[in-house]
Each structure stands twice: as C-alpha cells, then as structure tokens.
Amino acid sequence: MRYRYLYYILLLIPAFLFRDYTPTNELKYISIVDEALKNGTWFTFYNHGAVYADKPPLFFWLIMLIKLITGTYNMWLIGLFSLLPTIGIMAVMDRWVRKEGIASNPLVSNVLLLTTGMFLGSALVVRMDMLMTFFIVVSLYIFWTIYKNDEHARIGRHVLPVFIFLALFTKGPIGLLIPVVSIISFLVLKKQIRTIGRYLGWQQWTILAGLCALWFALIYVEGGRDYLYNILFKQTIGRGVNSFHHKEPFWFYVPRMLWSFAPWSLLYVVLLWKPVGGINLS
C-alpha cells in the first residue's frame, strides 16, 4: 500500500517502452522542440519555420531538458511527464476524498481514476494535458483548503495564483479558465460569491498578472511584436473565447462524456448532484 504509486508507474511505463511517437501530435512536438533547440529559442516556437504559438513553453521545456541531458528524445523519459502528473493527480484526489470522509480506503480514488477511460488514455500519450490537469487539481484543492480554513490556508492564498499560472503556462487559456470558473461557480452555488476576494482578490490577481507580464515581456524580447500579438490575441483570447477546432454545440459532447468517463459515467453524474460528504465510497 505504501509504495502503490511506484507500482502504478511500473505497470504503465511499458506503454512508452514498446512504441514510437505518434505522427499526429507527439512527433510534431518533438519537431517543434528540435527546431527551438537549433534556433536557441525558449519562449517562441516554430513548426517548420511557421509560428507555433498554440501552446505555452512549459511542456516543451521539459522535452528540451531531456534532449539536453541525454542527447536524444527518449520516449520513456518524456513519457514520465505524463505519468508523474497522473500519479500526482491520484495522490491529491486520494488525500482530498479521505480528508472529506468520502472514502476511507486509499485505493478507492486511485481505482476510480485508473479505470476511467479518458484519464488512463490521457496518461499514456505524450501531451501536456495531464500536466495541466495536475496544476488545475492542485489549484482547486488549495482553494478548498482556504474555503475550509485549513491550517495552511494563509500560505494557500499566495500559492493558489502560482498554480493557476502554471496551468496556463502549460496549455494556455483553458488552464486559467477551468480553476477560475470552477471557483466562481462553486461560490455562486453556495451563495457566497461575495467572499470571492478571499480566494481571488487583488493580491492573487496581482501575482497572476505579474507572472504573465514577465512571460509576455520575454516573448517580446525573443520573438518581437508580431509573435506577442499572435499569442495574446489569436491564440490566448481566440482559443479561450472561441476555439478554432471545437465548433459543435454543447449537446454534441454530452453522449461522448458517457464513453469518456466509462465505466463510471453514472457514478460521476450522481457525484455532481450529491453534496460533498453526502456519499461514502468506502
């Protein structure tokens, strides 16, 4: 039980050991990183010479680090940047559900996550999704500790915007929107929206804005005005408000959620409506 997360890694790592990069996304990321290393750029990225401002640099930096250390794009090492955030999400959720009395058995949340199709599938591809999800989950857990006035609440108020920024810095505006909208929605449902300043007040927004300003300044220094305009307006605002690829109406995604969350789809629907602590999975 104590080493269960190590066991999970050992069980999942063969998925990276015995395959090559997929050409659609994984190989494209390798190509972008290779071009960045050749150009000596760290904040601006290009795909065969064309501006690639679709994704922030954090995940690319991790791949670049592997290449600089090992001299090659080692699949199983790069795969750890999907597996380790996966384990991190499981650890946070395990702590969360046990702390709230939803499940006393430490394996419950682990099994629920690992046997969910979308979660396990995302863990086994070289993408930034699981890393962003980890930062989002940590952000929401920190918010919950502040809401519950946990002993670490004071520190949490300063750490919360950092993790929200890291989610943004991993995959773009969705990393900002999900935790912020989730916090606001929760407070609205609890009829406590007037307390929003306790979680997302001027101090938190100042930290978040400062980190973004530093990032944008470094983009301007390295890539110039055109690249900065691309990432601020075409990518950040454009993809955050009106996604380039997901044009379907909301009901298009409803049936797809059933197989994405299979086999626990119905359980998740129940958990959406049950009050926290109102259901015990032990």
C-alpha atoms as a PDB file:
ATOM      1  CA  MET A   1       0.000   0.000   0.000  1.00  0.00           C
ATOM      2  CA  ARG A   2       2.823   2.357   0.888  1.00  0.00           C
ATOM      3  CA  TYR A   3       4.526   2.006  -2.494  1.00  0.00           C
ATOM      4  CA  ARG A   4       1.382   1.782  -4.600  1.00  0.00           C
ATOM      5  CA  TYR A   5       2.261   4.810  -6.744  1.00  0.00           C
ATOM      6  CA  LEU A   6       5.566   3.217  -7.710  1.00  0.00           C
ATOM      7  CA  TYR A   7       3.648   0.102  -8.696  1.00  0.00           C
ATOM      8  CA  TYR A   8       1.337   2.177 -10.880  1.00  0.00           C
ATOM      9  CA  ILE A   9       4.335   3.686 -12.706  1.00  0.00           C
ATOM     10  CA  LEU A  10       5.877   0.243 -13.241  1.00  0.00           C
ATOM     11  CA  LEU A  11       2.573  -1.027 -14.637  1.00  0.00           C
ATOM     12  CA  LEU A  12       2.106   1.905 -17.037  1.00  0.00           C
ATOM     13  CA  ILE A  13       5.670   2.641 -18.193  1.00  0.00           C
ATOM     14  CA  PRO A  14       5.748  -0.322 -20.660  1.00  0.00           C
ATOM     15  CA  ALA A  15       3.207   1.594 -22.763  1.00  0.00           C
ATOM     16  CA  PHE A  16       6.049   4.019 -23.556  1.00  0.00           C
ATOM     17  CA  LEU A  17       8.860   1.469 -23.717  1.00  0.00           C
ATOM     18  CA  PHE A  18       7.438  -0.542 -26.597  1.00  0.00           C
ATOM     19  CA  ARG A  19       6.158   2.071 -29.021  1.00  0.00           C
ATOM     20  CA  ASP A  20       7.329   5.007 -31.112  1.00  0.00           C
ATOM     21  CA  TYR A  21       5.991   8.545 -31.262  1.00  0.00           C
ATOM     22  CA  THR A  22       2.629   9.028 -32.971  1.00  0.00           C
ATOM     23  CA  PRO A  23       2.935  11.322 -36.023  1.00  0.00           C
ATOM     24  CA  THR A  24      -0.133  13.491 -35.276  1.00  0.00           C
ATOM     25  CA  ASN A  25       0.819  15.164 -32.008  1.00  0.00           C
ATOM     26  CA  GLU A  26       3.818  13.536 -30.332  1.00  0.00           C
ATOM     27  CA  LEU A  27       6.154  13.667 -33.328  1.00  0.00           C
ATOM     28  CA  LYS A  28       5.040  17.227 -34.066  1.00  0.00           C
ATOM     29  CA  TYR A  29       6.025  18.302 -30.547  1.00  0.00           C
ATOM     30  CA  ILE A  30       9.440  16.664 -30.980  1.00  0.00           C
ATOM     31  CA  SER A  31       9.909  18.524 -34.275  1.00  0.00           C
ATOM     32  CA  ILE A  32       8.958  21.852 -32.652  1.00  0.00           C
ATOM     33  CA  VAL A  33      11.337  21.264 -29.752  1.00  0.00           C
ATOM     34  CA  ASP A  34      14.146  20.240 -32.106  1.00  0.00           C
ATOM     35  CA  GLU A  35      13.655  23.445 -34.090  1.00  0.00           C
ATOM     36  CA  ALA A  36      13.693  25.521 -30.898  1.00  0.00           C
ATOM     37  CA  LEU A  37      16.963  23.946 -29.761  1.00  0.00           C
ATOM     38  CA  LYS A  38      18.552  24.628 -33.146  1.00  0.00           C
ATOM     39  CA  ASN A  39      17.316  28.235 -33.128  1.00  0.00           C
ATOM     40  CA  GLY A  40      18.210  28.752 -29.477  1.00  0.00           C
ATOM     41  CA  THR A  41      14.706  29.999 -28.613  1.00  0.00           C
ATOM     42  CA  TRP A  42      12.955  29.277 -25.299  1.00  0.00           C
ATOM     43  CA  PHE A  43       9.830  31.417 -25.343  1.00  0.00           C
ATOM     44  CA  THR A  44       8.932  31.386 -29.040  1.00  0.00           C
ATOM     45  CA  PHE A  45       8.358  28.236 -31.054  1.00  0.00           C
ATOM     46  CA  TYR A  46       8.122  27.407 -34.747  1.00  0.00           C
ATOM     47  CA  ASN A  47       6.916  24.433 -36.741  1.00  0.00           C
ATOM     48  CA  HIS A  48       8.990  24.160 -39.930  1.00  0.00           C
ATOM     49  CA  GLY A  49       9.522  27.896 -39.878  1.00  0.00           C
ATOM     50  CA  ALA A  50       5.898  28.832 -39.219  1.00  0.00           C
ATOM     51  CA  VAL A  51       4.974  30.470 -35.911  1.00  0.00           C
ATOM     52  CA  TYR A  52       3.631  27.913 -33.419  1.00  0.00           C
ATOM     53  CA  ALA A  53       2.067  29.915 -30.603  1.00  0.00           C
ATOM     54  CA  ASP A  54      -0.665  27.352 -29.909  1.00  0.00           C
ATOM     55  CA  LYS A  55       0.929  26.086 -26.697  1.00  0.00           C
ATOM     56  CA  PRO A  56       2.938  27.770 -23.904  1.00  0.00           C
ATOM     57  CA  PRO A  57       6.541  26.683 -23.301  1.00  0.00           C
ATOM     58  CA  LEU A  58       6.498  24.641 -20.066  1.00  0.00           C
ATOM     59  CA  PHE A  59       5.914  21.202 -21.574  1.00  0.00           C
ATOM     60  CA  PHE A  60       8.331  21.964 -24.414  1.00  0.00           C
ATOM     61  CA  TRP A  61      10.969  22.973 -21.874  1.00  0.00           C
ATOM     62  CA  LEU A  62      10.694  19.556 -20.214  1.00  0.00           C
ATOM     63  CA  ILE A  63      11.258  17.783 -23.544  1.00  0.00           C
ATOM     64  CA  MET A  64      14.145  20.141 -24.314  1.00  0.00           C
ATOM     65  CA  LEU A  65      15.659  19.296 -20.927  1.00  0.00           C
ATOM     66  CA  ILE A  66      15.567  15.567 -21.720  1.00  0.00           C
ATOM     67  CA  LYS A  67      17.316  16.184 -25.063  1.00  0.00           C
ATOM     68  CA  LEU A  68      19.989  18.386 -23.464  1.00  0.00           C
ATOM     69  CA  ILE A  69      20.681  15.833 -20.701  1.00  0.00           C
ATOM     70  CA  THR A  70      20.516  12.566 -22.657  1.00  0.00           C
ATOM     71  CA  GLY A  71      21.273  13.768 -26.194  1.00  0.00           C
ATOM     72  CA  THR A  72      18.163  12.032 -27.522  1.00  0.00           C
ATOM     73  CA  TYR A  73      14.383  12.151 -27.350  1.00  0.00           C
ATOM     74  CA  ASN A  74      13.937   9.210 -25.043  1.00  0.00           C
ATOM     75  CA  MET A  75      10.311   8.080 -25.201  1.00  0.00           C
ATOM     76  CA  TRP A  76      10.015   6.556 -21.739  1.00  0.00           C
ATOM     77  CA  LEU A  77      11.689   9.560 -20.065  1.00  0.00           C
ATOM     78  CA  ILE A  78       9.457  12.032 -21.865  1.00  0.00           C
ATOM     79  CA  GLY A  79       6.513   9.781 -21.064  1.00  0.00           C
ATOM     80  CA  LEU A  80       7.188  10.403 -17.372  1.00  0.00           C
ATOM     81  CA  PHE A  81       5.920  13.968 -17.896  1.00  0.00           C
ATOM     82  CA  SER A  82       2.515  12.384 -18.469  1.00  0.00           C
ATOM     83  CA  LEU A  83       2.836   9.602 -15.898  1.00  0.00           C
ATOM     84  CA  LEU A  84       4.164  11.633 -12.967  1.00  0.00           C
ATOM     85  CA  PRO A  85       1.395  14.276 -13.180  1.00  0.00           C
ATOM     86  CA  THR A  86      -1.060  11.366 -13.390  1.00  0.00           C
ATOM     87  CA  ILE A  87       0.328   9.960 -10.147  1.00  0.00           C
ATOM     88  CA  GLY A  88       0.253  13.465  -8.646  1.00  0.00           C
ATOM     89  CA  ILE A  89      -3.441  13.859  -9.503  1.00  0.00           C
ATOM     90  CA  MET A  90      -4.194  10.482  -7.934  1.00  0.00           C
ATOM     91  CA  ALA A  91      -2.297  11.413  -4.759  1.00  0.00           C
ATOM     92  CA  VAL A  92      -4.082  14.765  -4.393  1.00  0.00           C
ATOM     93  CA  MET A  93      -7.514  13.259  -5.032  1.00  0.00           C
ATOM     94  CA  ASP A  94      -6.804  10.415  -2.599  1.00  0.00           C
ATOM     95  CA  ARG A  95      -5.879  12.910   0.109  1.00  0.00           C
ATOM     96  CA  TRP A  96      -8.902  15.050  -0.709  1.00  0.00           C
ATOM     97  CA  VAL A  97     -11.589  12.336  -0.640  1.00  0.00           C
ATOM     98  CA  ARG A  98     -10.195  10.753   2.514  1.00  0.00           C
ATOM     99  CA  LYS A  99      -9.915  14.105   4.261  1.00  0.00           C
ATOM    100  CA  GLU A 100     -13.570  14.821   3.479  1.00  0.00           C
ATOM    101  CA  GLY A 101     -14.705  11.356   4.566  1.00  0.00           C
ATOM    102  CA  ILE A 102     -15.912  10.409   1.084  1.00  0.00           C
ATOM    103  CA  ALA A 103     -13.717   7.298   1.073  1.00  0.00           C
ATOM    104  CA  SER A 104     -11.592   5.922   3.880  1.00  0.00           C
ATOM    105  CA  ASN A 105      -9.837   3.314   1.735  1.00  0.00           C
ATOM    106  CA  PRO A 106      -6.829   4.928  -0.008  1.00  0.00           C
ATOM    107  CA  LEU A 107      -7.322   2.733  -3.074  1.00  0.00           C
ATOM    108  CA  VAL A 108     -10.837   3.942  -3.864  1.00  0.00           C
ATOM    109  CA  SER A 109      -9.990   7.188  -5.665  1.00  0.00           C
ATOM    110  CA  ASN A 110      -6.942   5.565  -7.304  1.00  0.00           C
ATOM    111  CA  VAL A 111      -9.012   2.751  -8.794  1.00  0.00           C
ATOM    112  CA  LEU A 112     -11.789   5.103  -9.914  1.00  0.00           C
ATOM    113  CA  LEU A 113      -9.297   7.250 -11.808  1.00  0.00           C
ATOM    114  CA  LEU A 114      -7.142   4.490 -13.290  1.00  0.00           C
ATOM    115  CA  THR A 115     -10.157   2.598 -14.602  1.00  0.00           C
ATOM    116  CA  THR A 116     -11.682   5.682 -16.250  1.00  0.00           C
ATOM    117  CA  GLY A 117     -11.062   5.544 -19.996  1.00  0.00           C
ATOM    118  CA  MET A 118     -10.291   9.212 -20.593  1.00  0.00           C
ATOM    119  CA  PHE A 119      -7.991   9.512 -17.589  1.00  0.00           C
ATOM    120  CA  LEU A 120      -5.950   6.388 -18.326  1.00  0.00           C
ATOM    121  CA  GLY A 121      -5.826   7.141 -22.052  1.00  0.00           C
ATOM    122  CA  SER A 122      -4.530  10.664 -21.452  1.00  0.00           C
ATOM    123  CA  ALA A 123      -1.862   9.304 -19.117  1.00  0.00           C
ATOM    124  CA  LEU A 124      -0.416   7.141 -21.888  1.00  0.00           C
ATOM    125  CA  VAL A 125       0.244   9.811 -24.507  1.00  0.00           C
ATOM    126  CA  VAL A 126       2.998  12.413 -24.719  1.00  0.00           C
ATOM    127  CA  ARG A 127       0.941  15.566 -24.324  1.00  0.00           C
ATOM    128  CA  MET A 128       0.670  18.434 -21.869  1.00  0.00           C
ATOM    129  CA  ASP A 129      -2.887  17.535 -20.827  1.00  0.00           C
ATOM    130  CA  MET A 130      -2.044  15.586 -17.669  1.00  0.00           C
ATOM    131  CA  LEU A 131       0.475  18.191 -16.514  1.00  0.00           C
ATOM    132  CA  MET A 132      -2.112  20.953 -16.936  1.00  0.00           C
ATOM    133  CA  THR A 133      -4.735  18.816 -15.192  1.00  0.00           C
ATOM    134  CA  PHE A 134      -2.364  18.258 -12.267  1.00  0.00           C
ATOM    135  CA  PHE A 135      -1.913  22.012 -11.783  1.00  0.00           C
ATOM    136  CA  ILE A 136      -5.686  22.553 -12.041  1.00  0.00           C
ATOM    137  CA  VAL A 137      -6.433  19.825  -9.481  1.00  0.00           C
ATOM    138  CA  VAL A 138      -3.828  21.251  -7.082  1.00  0.00           C
ATOM    139  CA  SER A 139      -5.309  24.748  -7.590  1.00  0.00           C
ATOM    140  CA  LEU A 140      -8.796  23.532  -6.718  1.00  0.00           C
ATOM    141  CA  TYR A 141      -7.514  21.571  -3.733  1.00  0.00           C
ATOM    142  CA  ILE A 142      -5.730  24.693  -2.442  1.00  0.00           C
ATOM    143  CA  PHE A 143      -8.950  26.669  -2.911  1.00  0.00           C
ATOM    144  CA  TRP A 144     -10.767  24.006  -0.875  1.00  0.00           C
ATOM    145  CA  THR A 145      -8.249  24.235   1.968  1.00  0.00           C
ATOM    146  CA  ILE A 146      -8.743  28.009   2.065  1.00  0.00           C
ATOM    147  CA  TYR A 147     -12.521  27.582   1.952  1.00  0.00           C
ATOM    148  CA  LYS A 148     -12.342  25.118   4.848  1.00  0.00           C
ATOM    149  CA  ASN A 149      -9.964  27.439   6.705  1.00  0.00           C
ATOM    150  CA  ASP A 150      -7.310  24.747   6.823  1.00  0.00           C
ATOM    151  CA  GLU A 151      -4.112  25.324   8.802  1.00  0.00           C
ATOM    152  CA  HIS A 152      -2.304  26.031   5.531  1.00  0.00           C
ATOM    153  CA  ALA A 153      -4.946  28.487   4.272  1.00  0.00           C
ATOM    154  CA  ARG A 154      -2.718  31.562   4.676  1.00  0.00           C
ATOM    155  CA  ILE A 155       0.034  30.045   2.533  1.00  0.00           C
ATOM    156  CA  GLY A 156      -2.589  28.754   0.115  1.00  0.00           C
ATOM    157  CA  ARG A 157      -3.794  32.256  -0.720  1.00  0.00           C
ATOM    158  CA  HIS A 158      -0.361  33.100  -2.124  1.00  0.00           C
ATOM    159  CA  VAL A 159       0.270  29.719  -3.747  1.00  0.00           C
ATOM    160  CA  LEU A 160      -3.124  29.471  -5.482  1.00  0.00           C
ATOM    161  CA  PRO A 161      -2.354  32.022  -8.263  1.00  0.00           C
ATOM    162  CA  VAL A 162       1.026  30.369  -8.883  1.00  0.00           C
ATOM    163  CA  PHE A 163      -0.582  27.008  -9.658  1.00  0.00           C
ATOM    164  CA  ILE A 164      -3.257  28.662 -11.784  1.00  0.00           C
ATOM    165  CA  PHE A 165      -0.465  30.340 -13.728  1.00  0.00           C
ATOM    166  CA  LEU A 166       1.367  27.012 -14.123  1.00  0.00           C
ATOM    167  CA  ALA A 167      -1.806  25.503 -15.614  1.00  0.00           C
ATOM    168  CA  LEU A 168      -1.995  28.474 -18.008  1.00  0.00           C
ATOM    169  CA  PHE A 169       1.740  28.170 -18.730  1.00  0.00           C
ATOM    170  CA  THR A 170       1.271  24.508 -19.643  1.00  0.00           C
ATOM    171  CA  LYS A 171      -1.576  24.569 -22.152  1.00  0.00           C
ATOM    172  CA  GLY A 172      -2.925  28.075 -22.494  1.00  0.00           C
ATOM    173  CA  PRO A 173      -6.174  29.835 -21.521  1.00  0.00           C
ATOM    174  CA  ILE A 174      -8.097  26.688 -20.599  1.00  0.00           C
ATOM    175  CA  GLY A 175      -5.668  26.274 -17.699  1.00  0.00           C
ATOM    176  CA  LEU A 176      -6.787  29.664 -16.396  1.00  0.00           C
ATOM    177  CA  LEU A 177     -10.483  29.364 -17.187  1.00  0.00           C
ATOM    178  CA  ILE A 178     -11.182  25.990 -15.544  1.00  0.00           C
ATOM    179  CA  PRO A 179      -9.978  26.770 -11.999  1.00  0.00           C
ATOM    180  CA  VAL A 180     -11.267  30.369 -12.006  1.00  0.00           C
ATOM    181  CA  VAL A 181     -14.706  29.471 -13.412  1.00  0.00           C
ATOM    182  CA  SER A 182     -14.926  26.439 -11.085  1.00  0.00           C
ATOM    183  CA  ILE A 183     -14.203  28.575  -8.008  1.00  0.00           C
ATOM    184  CA  ILE A 184     -16.703  31.251  -9.038  1.00  0.00           C
ATOM    185  CA  SER A 185     -19.375  28.652  -9.900  1.00  0.00           C
ATOM    186  CA  PHE A 186     -18.905  26.915  -6.551  1.00  0.00           C
ATOM    187  CA  LEU A 187     -19.263  30.167  -4.623  1.00  0.00           C
ATOM    188  CA  VAL A 188     -22.354  31.115  -6.631  1.00  0.00           C
ATOM    189  CA  LEU A 189     -23.968  27.751  -5.846  1.00  0.00           C
ATOM    190  CA  LYS A 190     -23.079  28.188  -2.188  1.00  0.00           C
ATOM    191  CA  LYS A 191     -24.462  31.758  -2.293  1.00  0.00           C
ATOM    192  CA  GLN A 192     -21.091  33.029  -1.083  1.00  0.00           C
ATOM    193  CA  ILE A 193     -19.914  34.901  -4.160  1.00  0.00           C
ATOM    194  CA  ARG A 194     -19.248  37.998  -2.031  1.00  0.00           C
ATOM    195  CA  THR A 195     -16.327  36.110  -0.455  1.00  0.00           C
ATOM    196  CA  ILE A 196     -14.559  35.801  -3.834  1.00  0.00           C
ATOM    197  CA  GLY A 197     -11.904  38.276  -2.686  1.00  0.00           C
ATOM    198  CA  ARG A 198     -10.710  35.779  -0.110  1.00  0.00           C
ATOM    199  CA  TYR A 199      -9.643  33.415  -2.883  1.00  0.00           C
ATOM    200  CA  LEU A 200      -9.221  35.565  -5.980  1.00  0.00           C
ATOM    201  CA  GLY A 201      -8.660  39.032  -4.581  1.00  0.00           C
ATOM    202  CA  TRP A 202      -6.329  41.794  -5.705  1.00  0.00           C
ATOM    203  CA  GLN A 203      -3.273  40.043  -4.235  1.00  0.00           C
ATOM    204  CA  GLN A 204      -3.924  36.848  -6.185  1.00  0.00           C
ATOM    205  CA  TRP A 205      -4.633  38.705  -9.424  1.00  0.00           C
ATOM    206  CA  THR A 206      -1.504  40.825  -8.926  1.00  0.00           C
ATOM    207  CA  ILE A 207       0.655  37.700  -8.602  1.00  0.00           C
ATOM    208  CA  LEU A 208      -1.019  36.132 -11.644  1.00  0.00           C
ATOM    209  CA  ALA A 209      -0.722  39.318 -13.708  1.00  0.00           C
ATOM    210  CA  GLY A 210       2.918  39.747 -12.696  1.00  0.00           C
ATOM    211  CA  LEU A 211       3.844  36.234 -13.812  1.00  0.00           C
ATOM    212  CA  CYS A 212       2.001  36.718 -17.111  1.00  0.00           C
ATOM    213  CA  ALA A 213       3.652  40.110 -17.660  1.00  0.00           C
ATOM    214  CA  LEU A 214       7.098  38.558 -17.170  1.00  0.00           C
ATOM    215  CA  TRP A 215       6.261  35.781 -19.635  1.00  0.00           C
ATOM    216  CA  PHE A 216       4.936  38.224 -22.251  1.00  0.00           C
ATOM    217  CA  ALA A 217       7.954  40.501 -21.817  1.00  0.00           C
ATOM    218  CA  LEU A 218      10.320  37.617 -22.512  1.00  0.00           C
ATOM    219  CA  ILE A 219       8.266  36.662 -25.577  1.00  0.00           C
ATOM    220  CA  TYR A 220       8.580  40.242 -26.853  1.00  0.00           C
ATOM    221  CA  VAL A 221      12.353  40.255 -26.310  1.00  0.00           C
ATOM    222  CA  GLU A 222      12.806  36.950 -28.137  1.00  0.00           C
ATOM    223  CA  GLY A 223      10.078  36.970 -30.783  1.00  0.00           C
ATOM    224  CA  GLY A 224       9.099  40.576 -31.233  1.00  0.00           C
ATOM    225  CA  ARG A 225       5.776  42.340 -31.532  1.00  0.00           C
ATOM    226  CA  ASP A 226       4.208  40.012 -34.116  1.00  0.00           C
ATOM    227  CA  TYR A 227       4.737  36.878 -32.043  1.00  0.00           C
ATOM    228  CA  LEU A 228       3.403  38.599 -28.924  1.00  0.00           C
ATOM    229  CA  TYR A 229       0.303  39.736 -30.837  1.00  0.00           C
ATOM    230  CA  ASN A 230      -0.208  36.179 -32.083  1.00  0.00           C
ATOM    231  CA  ILE A 231      -0.113  34.609 -28.625  1.00  0.00           C
ATOM    232  CA  LEU A 232      -2.140  37.360 -26.910  1.00  0.00           C
ATOM    233  CA  PHE A 233      -4.944  37.783 -29.418  1.00  0.00           C
ATOM    234  CA  LYS A 234      -5.052  34.978 -31.976  1.00  0.00           C
ATOM    235  CA  GLN A 235      -4.186  32.221 -29.502  1.00  0.00           C
ATOM    236  CA  THR A 236      -4.932  33.250 -25.909  1.00  0.00           C
ATOM    237  CA  ILE A 237      -8.115  35.243 -26.499  1.00  0.00           C
ATOM    238  CA  GLY A 238      -9.142  33.464 -29.689  1.00  0.00           C
ATOM    239  CA  ARG A 239      -8.768  29.927 -28.338  1.00  0.00           C
ATOM    240  CA  GLY A 240     -10.108  30.840 -24.919  1.00  0.00           C
ATOM    241  CA  VAL A 241     -13.304  32.503 -26.167  1.00  0.00           C
ATOM    242  CA  ASN A 242     -13.906  30.805 -29.496  1.00  0.00           C
ATOM    243  CA  SER A 243     -11.926  27.614 -30.016  1.00  0.00           C
ATOM    244  CA  PHE A 244     -10.625  27.017 -33.530  1.00  0.00           C
ATOM    245  CA  HIS A 245     -11.479  23.311 -33.535  1.00  0.00           C
ATOM    246  CA  HIS A 246     -14.446  22.656 -31.237  1.00  0.00           C
ATOM    247  CA  LYS A 247     -17.334  24.233 -33.126  1.00  0.00           C
ATOM    248  CA  GLU A 248     -20.000  21.701 -32.194  1.00  0.00           C
ATOM    249  CA  PRO A 249     -22.965  22.674 -29.941  1.00  0.00           C
ATOM    250  CA  PHE A 250     -22.838  21.610 -26.292  1.00  0.00           C
ATOM    251  CA  TRP A 251     -25.198  18.640 -26.818  1.00  0.00           C
ATOM    252  CA  PHE A 252     -22.653  17.150 -29.242  1.00  0.00           C
ATOM    253  CA  TYR A 253     -20.376  16.433 -26.269  1.00  0.00           C
ATOM    254  CA  VAL A 254     -22.984  15.023 -23.862  1.00  0.00           C
ATOM    255  CA  PRO A 255     -23.109  11.459 -25.289  1.00  0.00           C
ATOM    256  CA  ARG A 256     -19.328  11.494 -25.686  1.00  0.00           C
ATOM    257  CA  MET A 257     -18.953  12.159 -21.980  1.00  0.00           C
ATOM    258  CA  LEU A 258     -20.571   8.763 -21.333  1.00  0.00           C
ATOM    259  CA  TRP A 259     -17.764   6.817 -23.016  1.00  0.00           C
ATOM    260  CA  SER A 260     -15.050   9.275 -21.929  1.00  0.00           C
ATOM    261  CA  PHE A 261     -15.898   8.633 -18.263  1.00  0.00           C
ATOM    262  CA  ALA A 262     -16.794   4.965 -18.740  1.00  0.00           C
ATOM    263  CA  PRO A 263     -17.325   2.756 -16.848  1.00  0.00           C
ATOM    264  CA  TRP A 264     -18.082   5.260 -14.064  1.00  0.00           C
ATOM    265  CA  SER A 265     -20.244   7.686 -16.047  1.00  0.00           C
ATOM    266  CA  LEU A 266     -23.386   7.238 -13.950  1.00  0.00           C
ATOM    267  CA  LEU A 267     -21.430   7.479 -10.702  1.00  0.00           C
ATOM    268  CA  TYR A 268     -19.914  10.794 -11.795  1.00  0.00           C
ATOM    269  CA  VAL A 269     -23.381  12.137 -12.633  1.00  0.00           C
ATOM    270  CA  VAL A 270     -24.510  11.231  -9.104  1.00  0.00           C
ATOM    271  CA  LEU A 271     -21.437  12.909  -7.594  1.00  0.00           C
ATOM    272  CA  LEU A 272     -22.267  16.122  -9.456  1.00  0.00           C
ATOM    273  CA  TRP A 273     -25.597  16.335  -7.637  1.00  0.00           C
ATOM    274  CA  LYS A 274     -24.700  14.826  -4.281  1.00  0.00           C
ATOM    275  CA  PRO A 275     -23.409  17.278  -1.663  1.00  0.00           C
ATOM    276  CA  VAL A 276     -19.742  16.862  -0.723  1.00  0.00           C
ATOM    277  CA  GLY A 277     -19.571  14.331   2.068  1.00  0.00           C
ATOM    278  CA  GLY A 278     -23.098  13.116   1.253  1.00  0.00           C
ATOM    279  CA  ILE A 279     -21.848   9.943  -0.328  1.00  0.00           C
ATOM    280  CA  ASN A 280     -19.373   7.422   1.045  1.00  0.00           C
ATOM    281  CA  LEU A 281     -17.464   5.130  -1.287  1.00  0.00           C
ATOM    282  CA  SER A 282     -15.686   3.120   1.396  1.00  0.00           C
END
